[in-house]
Amino acid sequence: MAEEVSECTPEQVECVEEIFQRIASDLSMIADREITIGEIETTIETTRPAGRSKIHISFRLGFKGPAGTEHGCLLVPLPDAISLACCLMMVPADVVKSNRGLKTLDSTTKDAMLEVGNFICGATDSALRALGKENGKVSFEGCQGVKANVRPALVYREGDPLVVGRAKVALAEFPEDTMLLLVPVKALEEQ
């Protein structure tokens, strides 16, 4: 099936922007580091996009609405996900910097990564509620590493439209990188 990309409605763009801003705000608070959101590009796509050029962590989200649960995720570059997990554990700044290059994680860091996912989920749910979408609930469905240029695993039927947000995000003093938010169009319609 060929990939189709189309424009979003103003409401879908607002949802994506609110979700990214809420995630940045909540994670800044728990990480005790400033997280800034730069340019956000929002489109409708019919295939799951992949994180480019490096391993990502897929924080999987379930959007529960009246018609059932739709699935999406936030793809975070591995160095930034590690940094967030380390900050949550109150790891000293020099250790956070050296851990950004890790490719395998110990059990403590994995547990902290799950907590980061819970905060991402809560922020997403709060953002949708702030926009008046109170008929559903967002649940955290775990996280998983995804190789560079590989699409994240989701409960997803190929060809279904996704609202895809690509945001330039900077965590504290570290270089800006791109996070991807994938939300099924149906999930935003049901909310």
N, C-alpha and C. Protein backbone atom coordinates (compact mmCIF):
# COMPACT_ATOMS: atom_id res chain seq x y z
N MET A 1 0.85 -1.18 0.00
CA MET A 1 0.00 0.00 0.00
C MET A 1 0.89 1.25 0.00
N ALA A 2 0.60 2.18 -0.87
CA ALA A 2 1.40 3.40 -0.98
C ALA A 2 1.09 4.35 0.16
N GLU A 3 2.12 5.00 0.63
CA GLU A 3 1.95 5.95 1.71
C GLU A 3 1.27 7.20 1.19
N GLU A 4 0.29 7.68 1.95
CA GLU A 4 -0.37 8.93 1.62
C GLU A 4 -0.12 9.91 2.75
N VAL A 5 0.17 11.14 2.39
CA VAL A 5 0.38 12.20 3.37
C VAL A 5 -0.58 13.33 3.00
N SER A 6 -1.31 13.82 3.99
CA SER A 6 -2.22 14.93 3.74
C SER A 6 -2.19 15.90 4.92
N GLU A 7 -2.87 17.02 4.72
CA GLU A 7 -2.89 18.05 5.76
C GLU A 7 -3.85 17.69 6.88
N CYS A 8 -3.55 18.20 8.05
CA CYS A 8 -4.40 18.01 9.23
C CYS A 8 -5.40 19.15 9.35
N THR A 9 -6.42 18.91 10.13
CA THR A 9 -7.35 19.99 10.47
C THR A 9 -6.68 20.87 11.52
N PRO A 10 -7.15 22.12 11.66
CA PRO A 10 -6.60 22.97 12.73
C PRO A 10 -6.75 22.32 14.11
N GLU A 11 -7.84 21.59 14.35
CA GLU A 11 -8.05 20.93 15.64
C GLU A 11 -7.00 19.84 15.88
N GLN A 12 -6.66 19.07 14.84
CA GLN A 12 -5.63 18.03 14.98
C GLN A 12 -4.27 18.65 15.25
N VAL A 13 -3.97 19.74 14.57
CA VAL A 13 -2.70 20.45 14.81
C VAL A 13 -2.66 20.94 16.25
N GLU A 14 -3.76 21.52 16.72
CA GLU A 14 -3.82 22.01 18.10
C GLU A 14 -3.61 20.87 19.10
N CYS A 15 -4.22 19.70 18.82
CA CYS A 15 -4.04 18.55 19.72
C CYS A 15 -2.58 18.14 19.81
N VAL A 16 -1.92 18.02 18.67
CA VAL A 16 -0.52 17.60 18.65
C VAL A 16 0.35 18.62 19.39
N GLU A 17 0.13 19.89 19.11
CA GLU A 17 0.92 20.93 19.78
C GLU A 17 0.70 20.92 21.29
N GLU A 18 -0.55 20.76 21.70
CA GLU A 18 -0.86 20.73 23.15
C GLU A 18 -0.21 19.51 23.81
N ILE A 19 -0.27 18.36 23.14
CA ILE A 19 0.34 17.15 23.70
C ILE A 19 1.85 17.34 23.86
N PHE A 20 2.53 17.84 22.83
CA PHE A 20 3.98 18.06 22.94
C PHE A 20 4.31 19.06 24.04
N GLN A 21 3.55 20.16 24.12
CA GLN A 21 3.83 21.17 25.15
C GLN A 21 3.62 20.60 26.55
N ARG A 22 2.56 19.82 26.72
CA ARG A 22 2.27 19.24 28.04
C ARG A 22 3.33 18.21 28.42
N ILE A 23 3.75 17.39 27.45
CA ILE A 23 4.81 16.40 27.72
C ILE A 23 6.09 17.12 28.13
N ALA A 24 6.46 18.16 27.37
CA ALA A 24 7.68 18.90 27.69
C ALA A 24 7.60 19.53 29.08
N SER A 25 6.45 20.11 29.41
CA SER A 25 6.28 20.74 30.71
C SER A 25 6.39 19.72 31.84
N ASP A 26 5.67 18.61 31.71
CA ASP A 26 5.68 17.60 32.77
C ASP A 26 7.05 16.95 32.92
N LEU A 27 7.70 16.62 31.79
CA LEU A 27 9.01 15.98 31.87
C LEU A 27 10.08 16.97 32.36
N SER A 28 9.95 18.24 32.04
CA SER A 28 10.88 19.26 32.56
C SER A 28 10.82 19.29 34.08
N MET A 29 9.61 19.18 34.59
CA MET A 29 9.42 19.23 36.04
C MET A 29 10.06 18.01 36.71
N ILE A 30 9.82 16.81 36.17
CA ILE A 30 10.36 15.62 36.84
C ILE A 30 11.85 15.45 36.59
N ALA A 31 12.34 15.93 35.45
CA ALA A 31 13.77 15.80 35.14
C ALA A 31 14.59 16.93 35.74
N ASP A 32 13.91 17.98 36.19
CA ASP A 32 14.57 19.17 36.72
C ASP A 32 15.55 19.74 35.69
N ARG A 33 15.15 19.64 34.42
CA ARG A 33 15.93 20.18 33.31
C ARG A 33 14.94 20.79 32.32
N GLU A 34 15.33 21.88 31.69
CA GLU A 34 14.44 22.50 30.72
C GLU A 34 14.35 21.66 29.45
N ILE A 35 13.13 21.45 28.99
CA ILE A 35 12.88 20.78 27.72
C ILE A 35 12.13 21.78 26.86
N THR A 36 12.67 22.08 25.70
CA THR A 36 12.03 23.06 24.83
C THR A 36 11.54 22.38 23.56
N ILE A 37 10.38 22.83 23.13
CA ILE A 37 9.78 22.34 21.89
C ILE A 37 9.98 23.42 20.84
N GLY A 38 10.59 23.03 19.74
CA GLY A 38 10.78 23.95 18.62
C GLY A 38 9.68 23.74 17.59
N GLU A 39 10.09 23.73 16.36
CA GLU A 39 9.16 23.58 15.24
C GLU A 39 8.42 22.23 15.31
N ILE A 40 7.12 22.28 15.08
CA ILE A 40 6.29 21.06 15.03
C ILE A 40 5.65 20.98 13.66
N GLU A 41 5.81 19.85 13.01
CA GLU A 41 5.15 19.59 11.73
C GLU A 41 4.11 18.50 11.97
N THR A 42 2.88 18.73 11.53
CA THR A 42 1.80 17.78 11.76
C THR A 42 1.15 17.41 10.43
N THR A 43 1.04 16.11 10.18
CA THR A 43 0.44 15.61 8.94
C THR A 43 -0.46 14.41 9.25
N ILE A 44 -1.24 14.03 8.27
CA ILE A 44 -1.99 12.77 8.32
C ILE A 44 -1.23 11.81 7.41
N GLU A 45 -0.90 10.62 7.92
CA GLU A 45 -0.16 9.64 7.14
C GLU A 45 -0.84 8.28 7.25
N THR A 46 -0.66 7.46 6.23
CA THR A 46 -1.32 6.15 6.20
C THR A 46 -0.35 5.00 6.46
N THR A 47 0.87 5.32 6.83
CA THR A 47 1.81 4.31 7.29
C THR A 47 2.51 4.84 8.54
N ARG A 48 2.95 3.92 9.38
CA ARG A 48 3.67 4.32 10.59
C ARG A 48 5.06 4.82 10.20
N PRO A 49 5.40 6.04 10.54
CA PRO A 49 6.75 6.52 10.23
C PRO A 49 7.79 5.93 11.18
N ALA A 50 9.03 5.91 10.73
CA ALA A 50 10.14 5.39 11.53
C ALA A 50 11.00 6.54 12.04
N GLY A 51 11.63 6.31 13.19
CA GLY A 51 12.63 7.25 13.68
C GLY A 51 13.88 7.11 12.83
N ARG A 52 14.42 8.19 12.39
CA ARG A 52 15.55 8.18 11.47
C ARG A 52 16.90 8.12 12.18
N SER A 53 17.79 7.41 11.60
CA SER A 53 19.24 7.42 11.85
C SER A 53 19.73 6.94 13.22
N LYS A 54 18.84 6.62 14.13
CA LYS A 54 19.29 6.12 15.43
C LYS A 54 18.18 5.31 16.09
N ILE A 55 18.56 4.57 17.11
CA ILE A 55 17.58 3.81 17.90
C ILE A 55 16.65 4.80 18.61
N HIS A 56 15.38 4.43 18.69
CA HIS A 56 14.38 5.21 19.42
C HIS A 56 13.71 4.32 20.46
N ILE A 57 13.11 4.94 21.44
CA ILE A 57 12.25 4.24 22.38
C ILE A 57 10.81 4.61 22.01
N SER A 58 9.99 3.60 21.81
CA SER A 58 8.58 3.80 21.51
C SER A 58 7.80 3.68 22.82
N PHE A 59 7.24 4.81 23.27
CA PHE A 59 6.37 4.83 24.43
C PHE A 59 4.96 4.64 23.89
N ARG A 60 4.42 3.43 24.07
CA ARG A 60 3.13 3.07 23.46
C ARG A 60 1.96 3.58 24.29
N LEU A 61 0.97 4.12 23.58
CA LEU A 61 -0.19 4.73 24.22
C LEU A 61 -1.47 4.11 23.69
N GLY A 62 -2.41 3.82 24.58
CA GLY A 62 -3.73 3.36 24.19
C GLY A 62 -4.73 4.48 24.40
N PHE A 63 -5.46 4.81 23.36
CA PHE A 63 -6.47 5.87 23.43
C PHE A 63 -7.84 5.19 23.52
N LYS A 64 -8.38 5.11 24.74
CA LYS A 64 -9.64 4.40 24.96
C LYS A 64 -10.80 5.37 24.77
N GLY A 65 -11.70 4.99 23.88
CA GLY A 65 -12.87 5.80 23.61
C GLY A 65 -14.11 4.94 23.56
N PRO A 66 -15.26 5.54 23.27
CA PRO A 66 -16.52 4.80 23.24
C PRO A 66 -16.51 3.61 22.27
N ALA A 67 -15.76 3.69 21.18
CA ALA A 67 -15.76 2.61 20.18
C ALA A 67 -14.61 1.62 20.39
N GLY A 68 -13.87 1.74 21.49
CA GLY A 68 -12.77 0.82 21.75
C GLY A 68 -11.45 1.56 21.92
N THR A 69 -10.36 0.81 21.86
CA THR A 69 -9.03 1.39 22.06
C THR A 69 -8.28 1.48 20.74
N GLU A 70 -7.76 2.65 20.47
CA GLU A 70 -6.88 2.90 19.31
C GLU A 70 -5.47 3.04 19.87
N HIS A 71 -4.47 2.74 19.06
CA HIS A 71 -3.09 2.70 19.57
C HIS A 71 -2.19 3.68 18.84
N GLY A 72 -1.32 4.29 19.60
CA GLY A 72 -0.33 5.22 19.07
C GLY A 72 0.92 5.15 19.92
N CYS A 73 1.83 6.10 19.72
CA CYS A 73 3.07 6.11 20.51
C CYS A 73 3.77 7.45 20.37
N LEU A 74 4.74 7.63 21.25
CA LEU A 74 5.70 8.73 21.14
C LEU A 74 7.06 8.08 20.94
N LEU A 75 7.72 8.41 19.83
CA LEU A 75 9.07 7.90 19.55
C LEU A 75 10.09 8.94 20.00
N VAL A 76 10.95 8.52 20.92
CA VAL A 76 11.96 9.41 21.50
C VAL A 76 13.33 8.84 21.17
N PRO A 77 14.25 9.65 20.62
CA PRO A 77 15.60 9.14 20.36
C PRO A 77 16.21 8.55 21.64
N LEU A 78 16.89 7.42 21.51
CA LEU A 78 17.43 6.72 22.67
C LEU A 78 18.27 7.62 23.59
N PRO A 79 19.18 8.45 23.08
CA PRO A 79 19.96 9.29 24.01
C PRO A 79 19.09 10.18 24.90
N ASP A 80 18.01 10.73 24.32
CA ASP A 80 17.12 11.58 25.10
C ASP A 80 16.29 10.76 26.09
N ALA A 81 15.85 9.58 25.69
CA ALA A 81 15.10 8.72 26.60
C ALA A 81 15.97 8.30 27.78
N ILE A 82 17.23 7.97 27.50
CA ILE A 82 18.17 7.62 28.58
C ILE A 82 18.37 8.82 29.51
N SER A 83 18.54 9.99 28.92
CA SER A 83 18.75 11.20 29.74
C SER A 83 17.56 11.44 30.66
N LEU A 84 16.35 11.29 30.13
CA LEU A 84 15.16 11.49 30.96
C LEU A 84 15.10 10.47 32.09
N ALA A 85 15.39 9.21 31.77
CA ALA A 85 15.38 8.16 32.80
C ALA A 85 16.43 8.45 33.87
N CYS A 86 17.61 8.86 33.45
CA CYS A 86 18.68 9.17 34.41
C CYS A 86 18.31 10.37 35.28
N CYS A 87 17.72 11.39 34.67
CA CYS A 87 17.30 12.56 35.45
C CYS A 87 16.24 12.19 36.47
N LEU A 88 15.32 11.30 36.08
CA LEU A 88 14.30 10.83 37.01
C LEU A 88 14.94 10.15 38.22
N MET A 89 16.07 9.44 37.99
CA MET A 89 16.77 8.75 39.07
C MET A 89 17.74 9.67 39.81
N MET A 90 17.77 10.96 39.43
CA MET A 90 18.64 11.96 40.03
C MET A 90 20.12 11.62 39.86
N VAL A 91 20.45 11.10 38.70
CA VAL A 91 21.84 10.79 38.36
C VAL A 91 22.58 12.12 38.12
N PRO A 92 23.81 12.26 38.58
CA PRO A 92 24.57 13.50 38.35
C PRO A 92 24.72 13.82 36.85
N ALA A 93 24.79 15.11 36.55
CA ALA A 93 24.81 15.58 35.16
C ALA A 93 25.92 14.95 34.33
N ASP A 94 27.12 14.77 34.91
CA ASP A 94 28.22 14.19 34.12
C ASP A 94 27.94 12.73 33.77
N VAL A 95 27.25 12.01 34.64
CA VAL A 95 26.90 10.61 34.36
C VAL A 95 25.79 10.55 33.32
N VAL A 96 24.82 11.47 33.40
CA VAL A 96 23.77 11.54 32.38
C VAL A 96 24.42 11.70 31.01
N LYS A 97 25.38 12.63 30.93
CA LYS A 97 26.05 12.89 29.65
C LYS A 97 26.76 11.64 29.12
N SER A 98 27.46 10.94 29.98
CA SER A 98 28.19 9.75 29.53
C SER A 98 27.24 8.59 29.19
N ASN A 99 26.09 8.50 29.87
CA ASN A 99 25.13 7.42 29.61
C ASN A 99 24.37 7.59 28.30
N ARG A 100 24.37 8.79 27.73
CA ARG A 100 23.62 9.03 26.48
C ARG A 100 24.09 8.13 25.34
N GLY A 101 25.30 7.63 25.41
CA GLY A 101 25.83 6.78 24.35
C GLY A 101 25.55 5.29 24.54
N LEU A 102 24.87 4.93 25.64
CA LEU A 102 24.60 3.51 25.90
C LEU A 102 23.67 2.92 24.83
N LYS A 103 23.86 1.64 24.54
CA LYS A 103 22.98 0.92 23.60
C LYS A 103 22.17 -0.15 24.33
N THR A 104 22.63 -0.57 25.51
CA THR A 104 21.88 -1.52 26.34
C THR A 104 21.68 -0.89 27.71
N LEU A 105 20.54 -1.20 28.32
CA LEU A 105 20.18 -0.56 29.58
C LEU A 105 20.12 -1.57 30.71
N ASP A 106 20.53 -1.15 31.90
CA ASP A 106 20.39 -2.02 33.07
C ASP A 106 18.95 -1.98 33.56
N SER A 107 18.61 -2.86 34.47
CA SER A 107 17.21 -2.98 34.91
C SER A 107 16.71 -1.72 35.61
N THR A 108 17.58 -1.02 36.33
CA THR A 108 17.17 0.21 37.02
C THR A 108 16.79 1.28 36.00
N THR A 109 17.59 1.42 34.96
CA THR A 109 17.30 2.41 33.92
C THR A 109 16.02 2.03 33.17
N LYS A 110 15.84 0.74 32.92
CA LYS A 110 14.61 0.28 32.25
C LYS A 110 13.38 0.62 33.11
N ASP A 111 13.48 0.41 34.41
CA ASP A 111 12.37 0.75 35.30
C ASP A 111 12.08 2.25 35.27
N ALA A 112 13.14 3.06 35.27
CA ALA A 112 12.96 4.51 35.20
C ALA A 112 12.34 4.91 33.86
N MET A 113 12.70 4.19 32.79
CA MET A 113 12.13 4.45 31.47
C MET A 113 10.62 4.21 31.50
N LEU A 114 10.19 3.17 32.21
CA LEU A 114 8.75 2.91 32.34
C LEU A 114 8.06 4.06 33.08
N GLU A 115 8.72 4.61 34.08
CA GLU A 115 8.15 5.75 34.79
C GLU A 115 8.04 6.97 33.88
N VAL A 116 9.06 7.17 33.04
CA VAL A 116 8.99 8.27 32.06
C VAL A 116 7.75 8.05 31.18
N GLY A 117 7.52 6.81 30.77
CA GLY A 117 6.35 6.50 29.95
C GLY A 117 5.05 6.83 30.66
N ASN A 118 4.99 6.57 31.95
CA ASN A 118 3.78 6.92 32.71
C ASN A 118 3.55 8.43 32.71
N PHE A 119 4.62 9.21 32.81
CA PHE A 119 4.48 10.67 32.76
C PHE A 119 4.04 11.13 31.37
N ILE A 120 4.59 10.51 30.32
CA ILE A 120 4.19 10.86 28.95
C ILE A 120 2.70 10.57 28.76
N CYS A 121 2.26 9.43 29.25
CA CYS A 121 0.85 9.06 29.16
C CYS A 121 -0.03 10.06 29.90
N GLY A 122 0.34 10.37 31.13
CA GLY A 122 -0.44 11.33 31.92
C GLY A 122 -0.51 12.69 31.27
N ALA A 123 0.60 13.13 30.69
CA ALA A 123 0.63 14.43 30.01
C ALA A 123 -0.27 14.42 28.78
N THR A 124 -0.25 13.31 28.04
CA THR A 124 -1.09 13.19 26.85
C THR A 124 -2.56 13.23 27.24
N ASP A 125 -2.92 12.48 28.27
CA ASP A 125 -4.31 12.47 28.75
C ASP A 125 -4.72 13.87 29.21
N SER A 126 -3.86 14.54 29.96
CA SER A 126 -4.17 15.89 30.46
C SER A 126 -4.33 16.88 29.31
N ALA A 127 -3.48 16.76 28.29
CA ALA A 127 -3.56 17.67 27.14
C ALA A 127 -4.90 17.52 26.44
N LEU A 128 -5.34 16.29 26.22
CA LEU A 128 -6.62 16.07 25.55
C LEU A 128 -7.78 16.58 26.39
N ARG A 129 -7.71 16.38 27.69
CA ARG A 129 -8.77 16.88 28.58
C ARG A 129 -8.81 18.40 28.57
N ALA A 130 -7.63 19.04 28.54
CA ALA A 130 -7.56 20.50 28.49
C ALA A 130 -8.21 21.05 27.23
N LEU A 131 -8.24 20.23 26.18
CA LEU A 131 -8.86 20.64 24.92
C LEU A 131 -10.33 20.23 24.85
N GLY A 132 -10.87 19.75 25.98
CA GLY A 132 -12.28 19.41 26.04
C GLY A 132 -12.60 18.01 25.55
N LYS A 133 -11.58 17.18 25.34
CA LYS A 133 -11.80 15.81 24.88
C LYS A 133 -11.84 14.90 26.10
N GLU A 134 -13.00 14.83 26.72
CA GLU A 134 -13.13 14.15 28.01
C GLU A 134 -13.86 12.81 27.93
N ASN A 135 -14.14 12.33 26.72
CA ASN A 135 -14.88 11.07 26.57
C ASN A 135 -13.99 9.84 26.55
N GLY A 136 -12.70 10.02 26.66
CA GLY A 136 -11.79 8.89 26.59
C GLY A 136 -10.73 8.96 27.67
N LYS A 137 -9.84 8.00 27.61
CA LYS A 137 -8.73 7.95 28.57
C LYS A 137 -7.51 7.42 27.83
N VAL A 138 -6.35 7.94 28.14
CA VAL A 138 -5.10 7.46 27.56
C VAL A 138 -4.42 6.56 28.58
N SER A 139 -3.98 5.39 28.14
CA SER A 139 -3.28 4.47 29.03
C SER A 139 -1.89 4.17 28.47
N PHE A 140 -0.95 3.96 29.38
CA PHE A 140 0.42 3.62 28.99
C PHE A 140 0.49 2.11 28.77
N GLU A 141 1.03 1.71 27.62
CA GLU A 141 1.08 0.29 27.25
C GLU A 141 2.51 -0.23 27.12
N GLY A 142 3.42 0.39 27.83
CA GLY A 142 4.80 -0.09 27.84
C GLY A 142 5.68 0.63 26.82
N CYS A 143 6.95 0.25 26.83
CA CYS A 143 7.87 0.87 25.88
C CYS A 143 8.80 -0.20 25.32
N GLN A 144 9.37 0.13 24.17
CA GLN A 144 10.27 -0.82 23.53
C GLN A 144 11.26 -0.07 22.66
N GLY A 145 12.46 -0.63 22.55
CA GLY A 145 13.46 -0.07 21.66
C GLY A 145 13.12 -0.39 20.21
N VAL A 146 13.37 0.57 19.34
CA VAL A 146 13.09 0.41 17.91
C VAL A 146 14.36 0.81 17.15
N LYS A 147 14.84 -0.08 16.31
CA LYS A 147 16.05 0.20 15.53
C LYS A 147 15.84 1.40 14.62
N ALA A 148 16.94 2.01 14.23
CA ALA A 148 16.90 3.15 13.32
C ALA A 148 16.20 2.75 12.03
N ASN A 149 15.36 3.64 11.53
CA ASN A 149 14.67 3.47 10.26
C ASN A 149 13.70 2.30 10.23
N VAL A 150 13.27 1.81 11.41
CA VAL A 150 12.29 0.73 11.52
C VAL A 150 11.02 1.32 12.13
N ARG A 151 9.87 0.96 11.57
CA ARG A 151 8.60 1.47 12.09
C ARG A 151 8.28 0.82 13.43
N PRO A 152 7.69 1.58 14.36
CA PRO A 152 7.36 1.02 15.68
C PRO A 152 6.25 -0.02 15.58
N ALA A 153 6.31 -1.02 16.45
CA ALA A 153 5.26 -2.04 16.52
C ALA A 153 4.06 -1.45 17.26
N LEU A 154 2.90 -1.54 16.64
CA LEU A 154 1.66 -1.07 17.25
C LEU A 154 0.53 -2.00 16.85
N VAL A 155 -0.53 -2.00 17.62
CA VAL A 155 -1.76 -2.63 17.16
C VAL A 155 -2.32 -1.63 16.15
N TYR A 156 -2.19 -1.95 14.88
CA TYR A 156 -2.48 -0.98 13.83
C TYR A 156 -2.81 -1.71 12.54
N ARG A 157 -3.84 -1.27 11.87
CA ARG A 157 -4.18 -1.83 10.57
C ARG A 157 -3.58 -0.95 9.49
N GLU A 158 -2.70 -1.55 8.69
CA GLU A 158 -2.02 -0.78 7.64
C GLU A 158 -3.02 -0.01 6.79
N GLY A 159 -2.72 1.24 6.58
CA GLY A 159 -3.57 2.10 5.76
C GLY A 159 -4.49 3.00 6.56
N ASP A 160 -4.69 2.68 7.85
CA ASP A 160 -5.51 3.57 8.68
C ASP A 160 -4.78 4.89 8.87
N PRO A 161 -5.48 6.00 8.82
CA PRO A 161 -4.81 7.29 8.96
C PRO A 161 -4.32 7.57 10.38
N LEU A 162 -3.13 8.12 10.46
CA LEU A 162 -2.52 8.53 11.72
C LEU A 162 -2.23 10.03 11.68
N VAL A 163 -2.48 10.70 12.78
CA VAL A 163 -2.00 12.07 12.93
C VAL A 163 -0.56 11.92 13.41
N VAL A 164 0.38 12.46 12.63
CA VAL A 164 1.80 12.34 12.96
C VAL A 164 2.37 13.72 13.23
N GLY A 165 2.91 13.89 14.44
CA GLY A 165 3.58 15.12 14.80
C GLY A 165 5.08 14.89 14.88
N ARG A 166 5.84 15.73 14.21
CA ARG A 166 7.31 15.69 14.29
C ARG A 166 7.76 16.99 14.94
N ALA A 167 8.33 16.86 16.14
CA ALA A 167 8.72 18.06 16.89
C ALA A 167 10.22 18.07 17.12
N LYS A 168 10.81 19.23 16.94
CA LYS A 168 12.20 19.45 17.31
C LYS A 168 12.21 19.72 18.81
N VAL A 169 12.93 18.86 19.54
CA VAL A 169 12.92 18.93 21.00
C VAL A 169 14.36 18.99 21.49
N ALA A 170 14.61 19.88 22.46
CA ALA A 170 15.93 19.98 23.08
C ALA A 170 15.79 19.75 24.58
N LEU A 171 16.58 18.82 25.09
CA LEU A 171 16.61 18.51 26.52
C LEU A 171 17.85 19.17 27.11
N ALA A 172 17.62 20.19 27.93
CA ALA A 172 18.69 20.92 28.62
C ALA A 172 19.77 21.34 27.63
N GLU A 173 21.02 20.96 27.92
CA GLU A 173 22.15 21.41 27.11
C GLU A 173 22.44 20.50 25.92
N PHE A 174 21.65 19.44 25.76
CA PHE A 174 21.93 18.47 24.70
C PHE A 174 21.38 18.93 23.36
N PRO A 175 21.94 18.41 22.26
CA PRO A 175 21.50 18.85 20.94
C PRO A 175 20.02 18.55 20.67
N GLU A 176 19.42 19.42 19.90
CA GLU A 176 18.02 19.25 19.49
C GLU A 176 17.89 17.99 18.62
N ASP A 177 16.80 17.27 18.79
CA ASP A 177 16.52 16.10 17.98
C ASP A 177 15.02 16.04 17.73
N THR A 178 14.58 15.08 16.94
CA THR A 178 13.17 14.99 16.57
C THR A 178 12.46 13.86 17.31
N MET A 179 11.33 14.19 17.91
CA MET A 179 10.43 13.19 18.49
C MET A 179 9.23 13.09 17.57
N LEU A 180 8.69 11.87 17.47
CA LEU A 180 7.52 11.64 16.64
C LEU A 180 6.35 11.18 17.50
N LEU A 181 5.21 11.80 17.31
CA LEU A 181 3.97 11.43 17.99
C LEU A 181 3.04 10.84 16.96
N LEU A 182 2.55 9.62 17.21
CA LEU A 182 1.62 8.95 16.32
C LEU A 182 0.30 8.75 17.06
N VAL A 183 -0.76 9.36 16.55
CA VAL A 183 -2.08 9.24 17.17
C VAL A 183 -3.08 8.86 16.08
N PRO A 184 -3.80 7.76 16.24
CA PRO A 184 -4.80 7.39 15.25
C PRO A 184 -5.86 8.49 15.11
N VAL A 185 -6.22 8.82 13.87
CA VAL A 185 -7.24 9.83 13.64
C VAL A 185 -8.52 9.48 14.39
N LYS A 186 -8.89 8.21 14.38
CA LYS A 186 -10.12 7.79 15.07
C LYS A 186 -10.09 8.13 16.55
N ALA A 187 -8.91 8.04 17.16
CA ALA A 187 -8.81 8.32 18.59
C ALA A 187 -9.17 9.78 18.89
N LEU A 188 -8.77 10.69 18.03
CA LEU A 188 -9.10 12.10 18.25
C LEU A 188 -10.56 12.39 17.93
N GLU A 189 -11.14 11.64 16.99
CA GLU A 189 -12.54 11.83 16.66
C GLU A 189 -13.44 11.33 17.77
N GLU A 190 -13.05 10.22 18.43
CA GLU A 190 -13.87 9.62 19.49
C GLU A 190 -13.81 10.40 20.77
N GLN A 191 -12.72 11.09 20.99
CA GLN A 191 -12.51 11.75 22.28
C GLN A 191 -13.57 12.78 22.57
